[in-house]
Protein backbone atom coordinates (compact mmCIF):
# COMPACT_ATOMS: atom_id res chain seq x y z
CA UNK A 1 -14.78 -13.12 -25.21
CA UNK A 2 -11.30 -13.80 -23.92
CA UNK A 3 -10.70 -17.27 -22.53
CA UNK A 4 -8.36 -18.31 -19.72
CA UNK A 5 -7.20 -21.75 -18.89
CA UNK A 6 -7.65 -20.89 -15.07
CA UNK A 7 -9.88 -18.20 -13.73
CA UNK A 8 -9.84 -17.52 -9.96
CA UNK A 9 -12.65 -15.62 -8.23
CA UNK A 10 -11.11 -13.88 -5.34
CA UNK A 11 -7.88 -12.16 -4.71
CA UNK A 12 -7.05 -12.99 -0.97
CA UNK A 13 -4.41 -15.47 0.32
CA UNK A 14 -5.80 -18.36 -1.94
CA UNK A 15 -6.11 -16.21 -5.07
CA UNK A 16 -2.52 -14.77 -4.63
CA UNK A 17 -1.06 -18.23 -3.77
CA UNK A 18 -2.68 -19.66 -7.11
CA UNK A 19 -1.26 -16.72 -9.11
CA UNK A 20 2.21 -17.32 -7.66
CA UNK A 21 2.15 -21.18 -8.52
CA UNK A 22 0.25 -21.14 -11.89
CA UNK A 23 0.64 -17.64 -13.54
CA UNK A 24 3.67 -18.41 -15.30
CA UNK A 25 2.69 -21.77 -16.51
CA UNK A 26 -1.07 -21.18 -17.39
CA UNK A 27 -2.86 -18.28 -18.99
CA UNK A 28 -4.81 -17.20 -15.85
CA UNK A 29 -6.97 -14.48 -14.45
CA UNK A 30 -7.60 -13.59 -10.77
CA UNK A 31 -10.59 -11.62 -10.30
CA UNK A 32 -11.08 -9.28 -7.30
CA UNK A 33 -13.86 -6.57 -6.75
CA UNK A 34 -12.01 -4.88 -3.88
CA UNK A 35 -9.53 -2.09 -4.48
CA UNK A 36 -6.96 -3.82 -2.41
CA UNK A 37 -6.14 -7.34 -1.10
CA UNK A 38 -5.61 -7.04 2.64
CA UNK A 39 -3.22 -8.41 5.25
CA UNK A 40 -6.28 -9.00 7.66
CA UNK A 41 -4.47 -9.96 10.61
CA UNK A 42 -2.31 -6.78 10.53
CA UNK A 43 -5.37 -4.35 10.56
CA UNK A 44 -5.76 -4.02 14.36
CA UNK A 45 -2.04 -2.72 14.45
CA UNK A 46 -2.85 -0.13 11.91
CA UNK A 47 -5.77 1.00 13.96
CA UNK A 48 -3.32 1.25 16.90
CA UNK A 49 -0.96 3.56 15.09
CA UNK A 50 1.83 0.72 14.98
CA UNK A 51 1.61 0.50 11.10
CA UNK A 52 0.65 2.91 8.30
CA UNK A 53 -2.78 1.70 6.89
CA UNK A 54 -1.08 1.37 3.49
CA UNK A 55 1.26 -1.42 5.07
CA UNK A 56 -1.86 -3.60 5.38
CA UNK A 57 -2.53 -3.36 1.63
CA UNK A 58 -0.97 -6.12 -0.55
CA UNK A 59 0.53 -5.01 -3.72
CA UNK A 60 -1.15 -5.93 -7.00
CA UNK A 61 2.16 -6.88 -8.51
CA UNK A 62 1.88 -10.16 -6.29
CA UNK A 63 -0.45 -11.22 -8.89
CA UNK A 64 0.83 -9.57 -12.07
CA UNK A 65 4.50 -10.11 -11.51
CA UNK A 66 3.65 -13.84 -11.33
CA UNK A 67 2.39 -13.76 -14.88
CA UNK A 68 -1.32 -13.63 -14.17
CA UNK A 69 -3.91 -11.09 -15.24
CA UNK A 70 -5.73 -9.37 -12.45
CA UNK A 71 -9.20 -8.18 -13.26
CA UNK A 72 -10.59 -5.58 -11.17
CA UNK A 73 -14.43 -6.23 -11.50
CA UNK A 74 -17.40 -7.45 -9.73
CA UNK A 75 -18.61 -10.91 -10.85
CA UNK A 76 -22.63 -10.91 -11.25
CA UNK A 77 -22.93 -14.53 -12.67
CA UNK A 78 -21.20 -17.76 -13.57
CA UNK A 79 -22.47 -20.00 -16.15
CA UNK A 80 -21.14 -23.53 -15.42
CA UNK A 81 -22.37 -25.12 -18.82
CA UNK A 82 -20.83 -22.60 -21.02
CA UNK A 83 -17.90 -21.93 -18.65
CA UNK A 84 -18.14 -18.13 -18.74
CA UNK A 85 -18.14 -15.37 -16.13
CA UNK A 86 -20.24 -12.19 -16.56
CA UNK A 87 -19.29 -9.01 -14.70
CA UNK A 88 -20.94 -5.96 -13.56
CA UNK A 89 -20.22 -4.03 -16.80
CA UNK A 90 -21.75 -6.75 -18.78
CA UNK A 91 -18.17 -7.86 -20.05
CA UNK A 92 -17.46 -11.64 -20.04
CA UNK A 93 -14.59 -14.02 -19.96
CA UNK A 94 -14.39 -17.69 -20.58
CA UNK A 95 -12.61 -20.41 -18.62
CA UNK A 96 -11.43 -23.86 -18.77
CA UNK A 97 -10.87 -24.49 -14.94
CA UNK A 98 -12.48 -22.31 -12.40
CA UNK A 99 -11.39 -21.83 -8.74
CA UNK A 100 -13.75 -20.28 -6.12
CA UNK A 101 -11.93 -18.28 -3.60
CA UNK A 102 -14.35 -15.64 -2.72
CA UNK A 103 -13.64 -15.64 0.94
CA UNK A 104 -16.01 -14.72 3.90
CA UNK A 105 -17.84 -11.68 5.15
CA UNK A 106 -18.14 -10.67 8.92
CA UNK A 107 -21.13 -12.34 10.57
CA UNK A 108 -23.37 -9.52 12.12
CA UNK A 109 -26.32 -11.13 14.05
CA UNK A 110 -29.67 -10.17 12.95
CA UNK A 111 -30.69 -8.12 15.95
CA UNK A 112 -32.63 -4.86 16.03
CA UNK A 113 -30.30 -1.89 15.33
CA UNK A 114 -27.71 -3.65 13.43
CA UNK A 115 -27.96 -1.25 10.46
CA UNK A 116 -27.45 2.02 12.84
CA UNK A 117 -24.73 4.29 12.03
CA UNK A 118 -21.54 3.28 13.81
CA UNK A 119 -22.15 -0.59 13.68
CA UNK A 120 -19.65 -2.51 11.66
CA UNK A 121 -17.88 -5.64 10.97
CA UNK A 122 -14.22 -5.85 10.60
CA UNK A 123 -12.75 -7.19 7.39
CA UNK A 124 -12.22 -4.45 4.69
CA UNK A 125 -10.00 -1.46 4.16
CA UNK A 126 -13.17 0.64 4.50
CA UNK A 127 -13.90 -0.87 7.80
CA UNK A 128 -10.41 -0.01 8.97
CA UNK A 129 -10.39 3.51 7.78
CA UNK A 130 -13.82 4.07 9.24
CA UNK A 131 -12.69 2.99 12.73
CA UNK A 132 -9.59 4.92 12.44
CA UNK A 133 -11.56 7.99 11.12
CA UNK A 134 -13.91 7.74 14.20
CA UNK A 135 -11.09 7.60 16.80
CA UNK A 136 -9.30 10.56 15.09
CA UNK A 137 -12.50 12.60 15.23
CA UNK A 138 -12.78 12.06 19.06
CA UNK A 139 -14.34 8.78 19.58
CA UNK A 140 -15.34 8.44 23.21
CA UNK A 141 -16.31 4.59 23.52
CA UNK A 142 -16.30 1.60 21.75
CA UNK A 143 -17.97 -1.74 22.19
CA UNK A 144 -16.38 -4.72 20.53
CA UNK A 145 -18.45 -8.11 20.31
CA UNK A 146 -16.57 -11.10 20.25
CA UNK A 147 -13.49 -12.19 22.48
CA UNK A 148 -11.61 -14.38 20.12
CA UNK A 149 -8.20 -13.30 18.75
CA UNK A 150 -9.57 -10.58 16.43
CA UNK A 151 -11.86 -9.11 18.70
CA UNK A 152 -9.25 -8.72 21.52
CA UNK A 153 -6.55 -7.57 19.23
CA UNK A 154 -9.07 -4.89 18.14
CA UNK A 155 -10.41 -3.89 21.61
CA UNK A 156 -6.69 -3.56 22.63
CA UNK A 157 -5.81 -1.45 19.77
CA UNK A 158 -8.83 0.98 20.16
CA UNK A 159 -7.93 1.14 23.84
CA UNK A 160 -4.30 2.10 23.03
CA UNK A 161 -5.79 5.14 21.21
CA UNK A 162 -7.34 6.54 24.37
CA UNK A 163 -10.87 5.06 23.74
CA UNK A 164 -13.00 3.53 26.49
CA UNK A 165 -13.70 -0.01 25.38
CA UNK A 166 -16.42 -2.79 26.50
CA UNK A 167 -15.73 -6.34 25.24
CA UNK A 168 -18.75 -8.62 25.04
CA UNK A 169 -18.62 -12.43 24.64
CA UNK A 170 -21.29 -15.15 25.12
CA UNK A 171 -18.58 -17.51 26.33
CA UNK A 172 -17.45 -18.10 29.76
CA UNK A 173 -13.79 -17.17 28.94
CA UNK A 174 -11.94 -15.39 26.31
CA UNK A 175 -10.04 -16.93 23.12
CA UNK A 176 -12.36 -20.10 23.41
CA UNK A 177 -11.25 -21.49 19.95
CA UNK A 178 -7.64 -21.21 21.04
CA UNK A 179 -7.37 -22.37 24.65
CA UNK A 180 -9.46 -23.89 27.59
CA UNK A 181 -10.54 -21.69 30.31
CA UNK A 182 -7.89 -22.35 32.82
CA UNK A 183 -5.26 -21.56 30.20
CA UNK A 184 -7.09 -18.14 29.45
CA UNK A 185 -6.89 -16.81 32.92
CA UNK A 186 -3.80 -15.04 33.02
CA UNK A 187 -4.25 -13.46 29.73
CA UNK A 188 -7.86 -12.56 30.78
CA UNK A 189 -6.44 -10.76 33.87
CA UNK A 190 -3.80 -8.97 31.78
CA UNK A 191 -6.86 -7.89 29.37
CA UNK A 192 -8.83 -6.40 32.25
CA UNK A 193 -5.65 -4.80 33.41
CA UNK A 194 -5.64 -2.60 30.33
CA UNK A 195 -9.06 -0.89 31.63
CA UNK A 196 -11.20 -2.84 29.01
CA UNK A 197 -14.58 -3.70 30.58
CA UNK A 198 -15.22 -7.33 30.18
CA UNK A 199 -18.77 -8.66 29.74
CA UNK A 200 -18.40 -12.46 29.60
CA UNK A 201 -21.37 -14.69 29.36
CA UNK A 202 -23.32 -12.09 27.87
CA UNK A 203 -25.08 -11.46 24.56
CA UNK A 204 -25.91 -8.46 22.71
CA UNK A 205 -29.83 -8.58 22.12
CA UNK A 206 -30.38 -5.09 20.55
CA UNK A 207 -28.91 -1.84 19.68
CA UNK A 208 -30.52 1.30 20.08
CA UNK A 209 -30.27 4.50 18.21
CA UNK A 210 -30.03 8.30 19.02
CA UNK A 211 -29.45 11.33 16.92
CA UNK A 212 -26.16 11.61 14.94
CA UNK A 213 -24.10 14.65 16.02
CA UNK A 214 -22.14 16.34 13.41
CA UNK A 215 -18.66 17.56 14.38
CA UNK A 216 -19.04 20.69 12.22
CA UNK A 217 -22.65 21.35 13.19
CA UNK A 218 -23.51 20.70 9.48
CA UNK A 219 -27.07 19.30 8.51
CA UNK A 220 -25.28 16.29 6.62
CA UNK A 221 -26.42 14.10 9.57
CA UNK A 222 -29.83 15.44 10.12
CA UNK A 223 -32.49 12.82 10.79
CA UNK A 224 -29.83 10.06 10.75
CA UNK A 225 -29.59 7.51 13.78
CA UNK A 226 -26.38 6.40 15.49
CA UNK A 227 -25.97 3.61 18.02
CA UNK A 228 -26.37 5.05 21.37
CA UNK A 229 -26.89 1.93 23.55
CA UNK A 230 -26.12 -1.74 23.50
CA UNK A 231 -28.54 -3.93 25.39
CA UNK A 232 -27.30 -7.15 26.86
CA UNK A 233 -29.35 -10.17 27.87
CA UNK A 234 -28.36 -9.74 31.26
CA UNK A 235 -30.30 -6.56 31.64
CA UNK A 236 -27.10 -4.31 31.43
CA UNK A 237 -27.17 -1.39 29.09
CA UNK A 238 -23.96 0.13 27.59
CA UNK A 239 -24.57 3.68 26.98
CA UNK A 240 -22.54 5.68 24.41
CA UNK A 241 -24.44 9.14 24.78
CA UNK A 242 -25.73 9.35 28.41
CA UNK A 243 -25.81 7.62 31.60
CA UNK A 244 -23.47 7.02 34.75
CA UNK A 245 -20.84 5.23 32.97
CA UNK A 246 -20.55 7.16 29.73
CA UNK A 247 -21.77 10.61 29.29
CA UNK A 248 -21.27 12.78 26.35
CA UNK A 249 -17.87 14.23 25.92
CA UNK A 250 -17.21 17.88 26.53
CA UNK A 251 -17.82 18.96 22.81
CA UNK A 252 -21.18 17.07 22.91
CA UNK A 253 -20.37 14.27 20.17
CA UNK A 254 -22.02 10.92 20.53
CA UNK A 255 -19.04 8.65 20.93
CA UNK A 256 -20.74 5.51 19.61
CA UNK A 257 -18.92 2.46 17.68
CA UNK A 258 -20.08 -1.14 17.85
CA UNK A 259 -17.76 -3.80 16.05
CA UNK A 260 -18.93 -7.19 15.66
CA UNK A 261 -15.92 -9.82 15.45
CA UNK A 262 -18.25 -12.75 15.97
CA UNK A 263 -17.17 -15.08 13.11
CA UNK A 264 -17.38 -15.03 9.32
CA UNK A 265 -19.94 -16.15 6.88
CA UNK A 266 -18.81 -17.71 3.53
CA UNK A 267 -19.45 -15.82 0.36
CA UNK A 268 -21.21 -18.31 -1.77
CA UNK A 269 -24.10 -16.21 -3.15
CA UNK A 270 -22.72 -16.61 -6.71
CA UNK A 271 -23.18 -20.38 -6.41
CA UNK A 272 -26.72 -20.20 -4.95
CA UNK A 273 -28.60 -21.63 -7.97
CA UNK A 274 -25.79 -23.49 -9.56
CA UNK A 275 -26.51 -26.96 -8.13
CA UNK A 276 -23.16 -26.73 -6.36
CA UNK A 277 -23.02 -28.78 -3.01
CA UNK A 278 -22.87 -26.19 -0.25
CA UNK A 279 -22.80 -27.02 3.49
CA UNK A 280 -23.46 -25.10 6.42
CA UNK A 281 -19.98 -23.48 6.55
CA UNK A 282 -19.33 -22.94 2.79
CA UNK A 283 -18.77 -25.03 -0.51
CA UNK A 284 -18.15 -28.68 0.13
CA UNK A 285 -15.01 -29.98 -1.63
CA UNK A 286 -13.12 -33.28 -1.69
CA UNK A 287 -9.65 -33.83 -0.64
CA UNK A 288 -8.39 -32.44 -4.07
CA UNK A 289 -10.37 -29.27 -3.35
CA UNK A 290 -12.79 -30.19 -6.30
CA UNK A 291 -16.46 -29.10 -5.88
CA UNK A 292 -19.53 -31.13 -6.94
CA UNK A 293 -19.33 -29.23 -10.43
CA UNK A 294 -16.70 -30.73 -12.97
CA UNK A 295 -13.74 -28.53 -13.48
CA UNK A 296 -14.52 -26.17 -10.65
CA UNK A 297 -12.20 -26.09 -7.48
CA UNK A 298 -12.75 -24.07 -4.34
CA UNK A 299 -10.15 -22.94 -1.50
CA UNK A 300 -10.02 -20.50 1.46
CA UNK A 301 -12.65 -19.21 3.67
CA UNK A 302 -15.47 -20.08 1.29
CA UNK A 303 -14.79 -23.81 1.75
CA UNK A 304 -16.47 -26.20 4.23
CA UNK A 305 -13.96 -29.03 4.94
CA UNK A 306 -13.16 -31.58 7.66
CA UNK A 307 -11.20 -31.58 10.73
CA UNK A 308 -7.95 -33.65 10.27
CA UNK A 309 -8.82 -35.24 13.67
CA UNK A 310 -12.53 -36.04 13.70
CA UNK A 311 -13.01 -36.20 9.97
CA UNK A 312 -16.28 -34.11 10.48
CA UNK A 313 -16.93 -30.56 9.12
CA UNK A 314 -15.48 -27.84 11.13
CA UNK A 315 -14.80 -24.02 10.59
CA UNK A 316 -11.40 -23.24 9.17
CA UNK A 317 -11.38 -19.57 8.32
CA UNK A 318 -7.72 -18.82 8.61
CA UNK A 319 -5.26 -17.60 6.08
CA UNK A 320 -2.92 -20.35 7.22
CA UNK A 321 -5.69 -22.90 6.04
CA UNK A 322 -6.38 -20.94 2.67
CA UNK A 323 -2.86 -20.99 1.51
CA UNK A 324 -2.28 -24.90 2.01
CA UNK A 325 -5.79 -25.42 0.25
CA UNK A 326 -4.63 -23.32 -2.74
CA UNK A 327 -1.48 -25.17 -2.94
CA UNK A 328 -3.31 -28.41 -3.35
CA UNK A 329 -5.53 -26.94 -6.06
CA UNK A 330 -2.55 -25.69 -7.91
CA UNK A 331 -0.65 -29.02 -7.66
CA UNK A 332 -4.04 -30.68 -9.03
CA UNK A 333 -4.35 -28.32 -11.77
CA UNK A 334 -0.56 -29.08 -12.74
CA UNK A 335 -1.25 -32.81 -12.92
CA UNK A 336 0.65 -33.47 -9.67
CA UNK A 337 -2.02 -35.06 -7.60
CA UNK A 338 -2.16 -33.99 -3.72
CA UNK A 339 -4.67 -34.32 -1.06
CA UNK A 340 -5.54 -31.89 1.80
CA UNK A 341 -5.41 -33.33 5.16
CA UNK A 342 -7.89 -31.26 6.72
CA UNK A 343 -7.97 -28.37 9.39
CA UNK A 344 -6.04 -28.54 12.46
CA UNK A 345 -6.62 -24.79 13.00
CA UNK A 346 -3.35 -23.91 14.77
CA UNK A 347 -3.55 -20.13 15.65
CA UNK A 348 -1.92 -17.72 17.96
CA UNK A 349 -2.42 -14.16 19.19
CA UNK A 350 -1.07 -11.70 21.71
CA UNK A 351 -2.86 -10.38 24.92
CA UNK A 352 -0.78 -7.60 26.67
CA UNK A 353 2.51 -9.55 27.61
CA UNK A 354 0.99 -12.97 26.91
CA UNK A 355 1.41 -14.92 23.65
CA UNK A 356 -1.25 -17.41 23.33
CA UNK A 357 -1.72 -20.23 20.88
CA UNK A 358 -3.75 -23.34 20.37
CA UNK A 359 -3.96 -26.19 17.88
CA UNK A 360 -6.21 -29.15 17.18
CA UNK A 361 -8.96 -29.75 19.62
CA UNK A 362 -9.32 -28.12 23.02
CA UNK A 363 -10.46 -30.10 26.01
CA UNK A 364 -14.02 -28.73 25.69
CA UNK A 365 -14.14 -29.25 21.88
CA UNK A 366 -13.00 -32.72 22.29
CA UNK A 367 -15.85 -33.44 24.93
CA UNK A 368 -18.49 -31.72 22.58
CA UNK A 369 -17.22 -34.06 19.95
CA UNK A 370 -17.73 -37.14 22.27
CA UNK A 371 -14.00 -37.89 22.44
CA UNK A 372 -12.78 -38.84 26.14
CA UNK A 373 -9.38 -37.21 26.77
CA UNK A 374 -6.84 -36.73 29.50
CA UNK A 375 -4.75 -33.65 29.87
CA UNK A 376 -1.41 -32.78 30.97
CA UNK A 377 0.44 -29.53 31.87
CA UNK A 378 4.04 -28.44 31.86
CA UNK A 379 5.50 -25.20 33.03
CA UNK A 380 8.89 -23.92 32.60
CA UNK A 381 10.55 -20.48 31.49
CA UNK A 382 11.33 -19.33 28.01
CA UNK A 383 14.99 -19.01 28.87
CA UNK A 384 17.35 -20.42 31.72
CA UNK A 385 15.51 -19.26 34.73
CA UNK A 386 18.73 -17.49 35.99
CA UNK A 387 18.64 -15.28 32.72
CA UNK A 388 17.39 -11.82 33.39
CA UNK A 389 14.65 -11.93 30.68
CA UNK A 390 13.25 -15.29 31.35
CA UNK A 391 9.36 -15.38 31.27
CA UNK A 392 6.99 -18.18 32.35
CA UNK A 393 5.61 -20.58 29.37
CA UNK A 394 2.79 -23.00 30.29
CA UNK A 395 1.92 -26.04 27.86
CA UNK A 396 -1.35 -28.10 27.86
CA UNK A 397 -1.60 -31.20 25.92
CA UNK A 398 -4.93 -32.99 25.17
CA UNK A 399 -4.55 -36.60 24.42
CA UNK A 400 -7.45 -39.07 23.41
CA UNK A 401 -7.71 -41.67 26.14
CA UNK A 402 -8.37 -44.71 23.97
CA UNK A 403 -5.58 -44.28 21.70
CA UNK A 404 -3.13 -42.18 23.65
CA UNK A 405 -3.01 -40.04 20.57
CA UNK A 406 -2.32 -36.30 20.79
CA UNK A 407 -5.39 -34.32 19.39
CA UNK A 408 -4.81 -30.83 21.08
CA UNK A 409 -2.24 -28.57 22.31
CA UNK A 410 -2.20 -24.87 23.95
CA UNK A 411 0.59 -22.74 25.02
CA UNK A 412 0.60 -19.50 26.96
CA UNK A 413 3.95 -17.75 27.24
CA UNK A 414 5.92 -14.33 27.67
CA UNK A 415 7.48 -14.84 24.29
CA UNK A 416 6.20 -15.91 20.94
CA UNK A 417 4.61 -19.40 20.88
CA UNK A 418 4.17 -20.24 17.01
CA UNK A 419 7.24 -22.26 16.50
CA UNK A 420 6.28 -24.76 19.51
CA UNK A 421 2.74 -24.67 18.42
CA UNK A 422 3.65 -25.60 14.86
CA UNK A 423 5.60 -28.63 16.40
CA UNK A 424 2.40 -29.64 18.16
CA UNK A 425 0.47 -29.28 15.05
CA UNK A 426 2.85 -31.54 13.00
CA UNK A 427 2.76 -34.08 15.97
CA UNK A 428 -1.23 -34.07 15.81
CA UNK A 429 -1.04 -34.45 11.87
CA UNK A 430 1.33 -37.47 12.34
CA UNK A 431 -0.85 -38.97 14.84
CA UNK A 432 1.71 -38.95 17.49
CA UNK A 433 1.08 -40.38 20.88
CA UNK A 434 1.67 -39.33 24.29
CA UNK A 435 4.63 -41.75 24.35
CA UNK A 436 6.26 -40.12 21.31
CA UNK A 437 6.11 -36.76 22.96
CA UNK A 438 7.50 -38.18 26.33
CA UNK A 439 10.49 -39.41 24.35
CA UNK A 440 10.79 -36.00 22.46
CA UNK A 441 14.54 -35.08 21.76
CA UNK A 442 15.02 -31.26 22.22
CA UNK A 443 17.73 -28.56 22.20
CA UNK A 444 18.71 -26.03 25.09
CA UNK A 445 20.47 -22.78 25.21
CA UNK A 446 20.34 -20.10 27.90
CA UNK A 447 18.59 -17.44 25.87
CA UNK A 448 16.19 -19.87 24.12
CA UNK A 449 14.85 -22.55 26.42
CA UNK A 450 14.56 -24.03 29.74
CA UNK A 451 17.42 -25.82 31.44
CA UNK A 452 18.50 -29.14 29.57
CA UNK A 453 16.83 -30.88 32.61
CA UNK A 454 13.24 -30.25 31.22
CA UNK A 455 10.98 -29.31 28.35
CA UNK A 456 7.45 -28.01 28.61
CA UNK A 457 6.16 -30.48 26.05
CA UNK A 458 7.88 -33.47 27.45
CA UNK A 459 6.74 -32.46 30.96
CA UNK A 460 3.05 -32.11 30.02
CA UNK A 461 3.28 -35.53 28.24
CA UNK A 462 4.76 -37.17 31.37
CA UNK A 463 2.04 -35.63 33.40
CA UNK A 464 -0.50 -37.41 31.14
CA UNK A 465 1.40 -40.73 31.32
CA UNK A 466 1.35 -40.61 35.21
CA UNK A 467 -2.48 -39.99 35.25
CA UNK A 468 -2.82 -42.91 32.74
CA UNK A 469 -0.84 -45.07 34.93
CA UNK A 470 -2.80 -44.11 38.02
CA UNK A 471 -6.19 -45.11 36.21
CA UNK A 472 -4.80 -48.67 35.29
């Protein structure tokens, strides 16, 4: 049995990061059952046709060129006492240190009809290829469940291919994990303007099937059931194969696709009977990313950790969290102790002509956590207003009233927002106050900012300070 200094189960962002940092320094194996590691956030754009599907596949050389072995196999069990891993083909390897980076699977709610043909999550290369294949074959209508960033990006991609799309979400507004309702209004209007049918404050309760049609009239689909109707809790029925709003197409195909983009479930089945501490949202780790089992670390979407703001467990299933977590693991394995500060969950997306980003806690999330806040707004343009391509940019800051500390920020703009959003994330990490932000020193240039007279972040901070003064 071959033994490794470090074994990593999982070949996603965390696994690749660990390989890059440790592969040349330790004997290391990265274990991955999938054919490919994916650039997940690029998948909608491959479906839209902006990218070739192969562009979303990460090269194996990212691991092997770093000096690590890439093992393409499925792990069936891990023995934490003998420090061994058993694979599907009964082969084994040993390890001195183990990193669990198994990621997460799409969550599909346990509703009637979830196993019908045409119902899928959205995570793998097979998911992407299946959706693209249905569109190429003449898909007539699709329902995307979940109006978060991935759901919206996917809905827009499918719509751009000429397919009728319904977008369903239980919330009262789109992008609830990024921005509050009032900040989502213009992006929501832009989304509706594409022709996508929005069903907000609606829940899918059942999927009903109908006979599968075969494009070549073969018997390969005989007796199989494909999704034909989506039943919502408000009594509305979305039809694929019949009905006033979506009849069969001219060739008689059943144009049915339902994609769930309703969150992720951590892959922790390997640890089920290990005695490892596992929380509601993944493996529990300390600030060094150590699990409750000695010599075993975890990083990425399989992990439950705490908010850097509330210090309570919070979901953080983003590649931009997985990579920093993996870096902490690597430094600690190299004997250079570092601690992970927690999730701040800065993230961004694009909805039509709007770039939308949020970080930290939204006003609603803060209220749900029992934090009394005060919010401020600043509206400027992305360039000097006299410039021909200047676009509107709106900023919202969320401040804890008792401490005056920044705990959240949101930006909606006609140009990319990640640079400014990262500044706000850093300010939250450093526990900056509204006073600090009001005194922010900034740059200005006609093509890159508003006039020197104002800055959106400073304006929002000043708005909060005025409101605080009025309360005193």
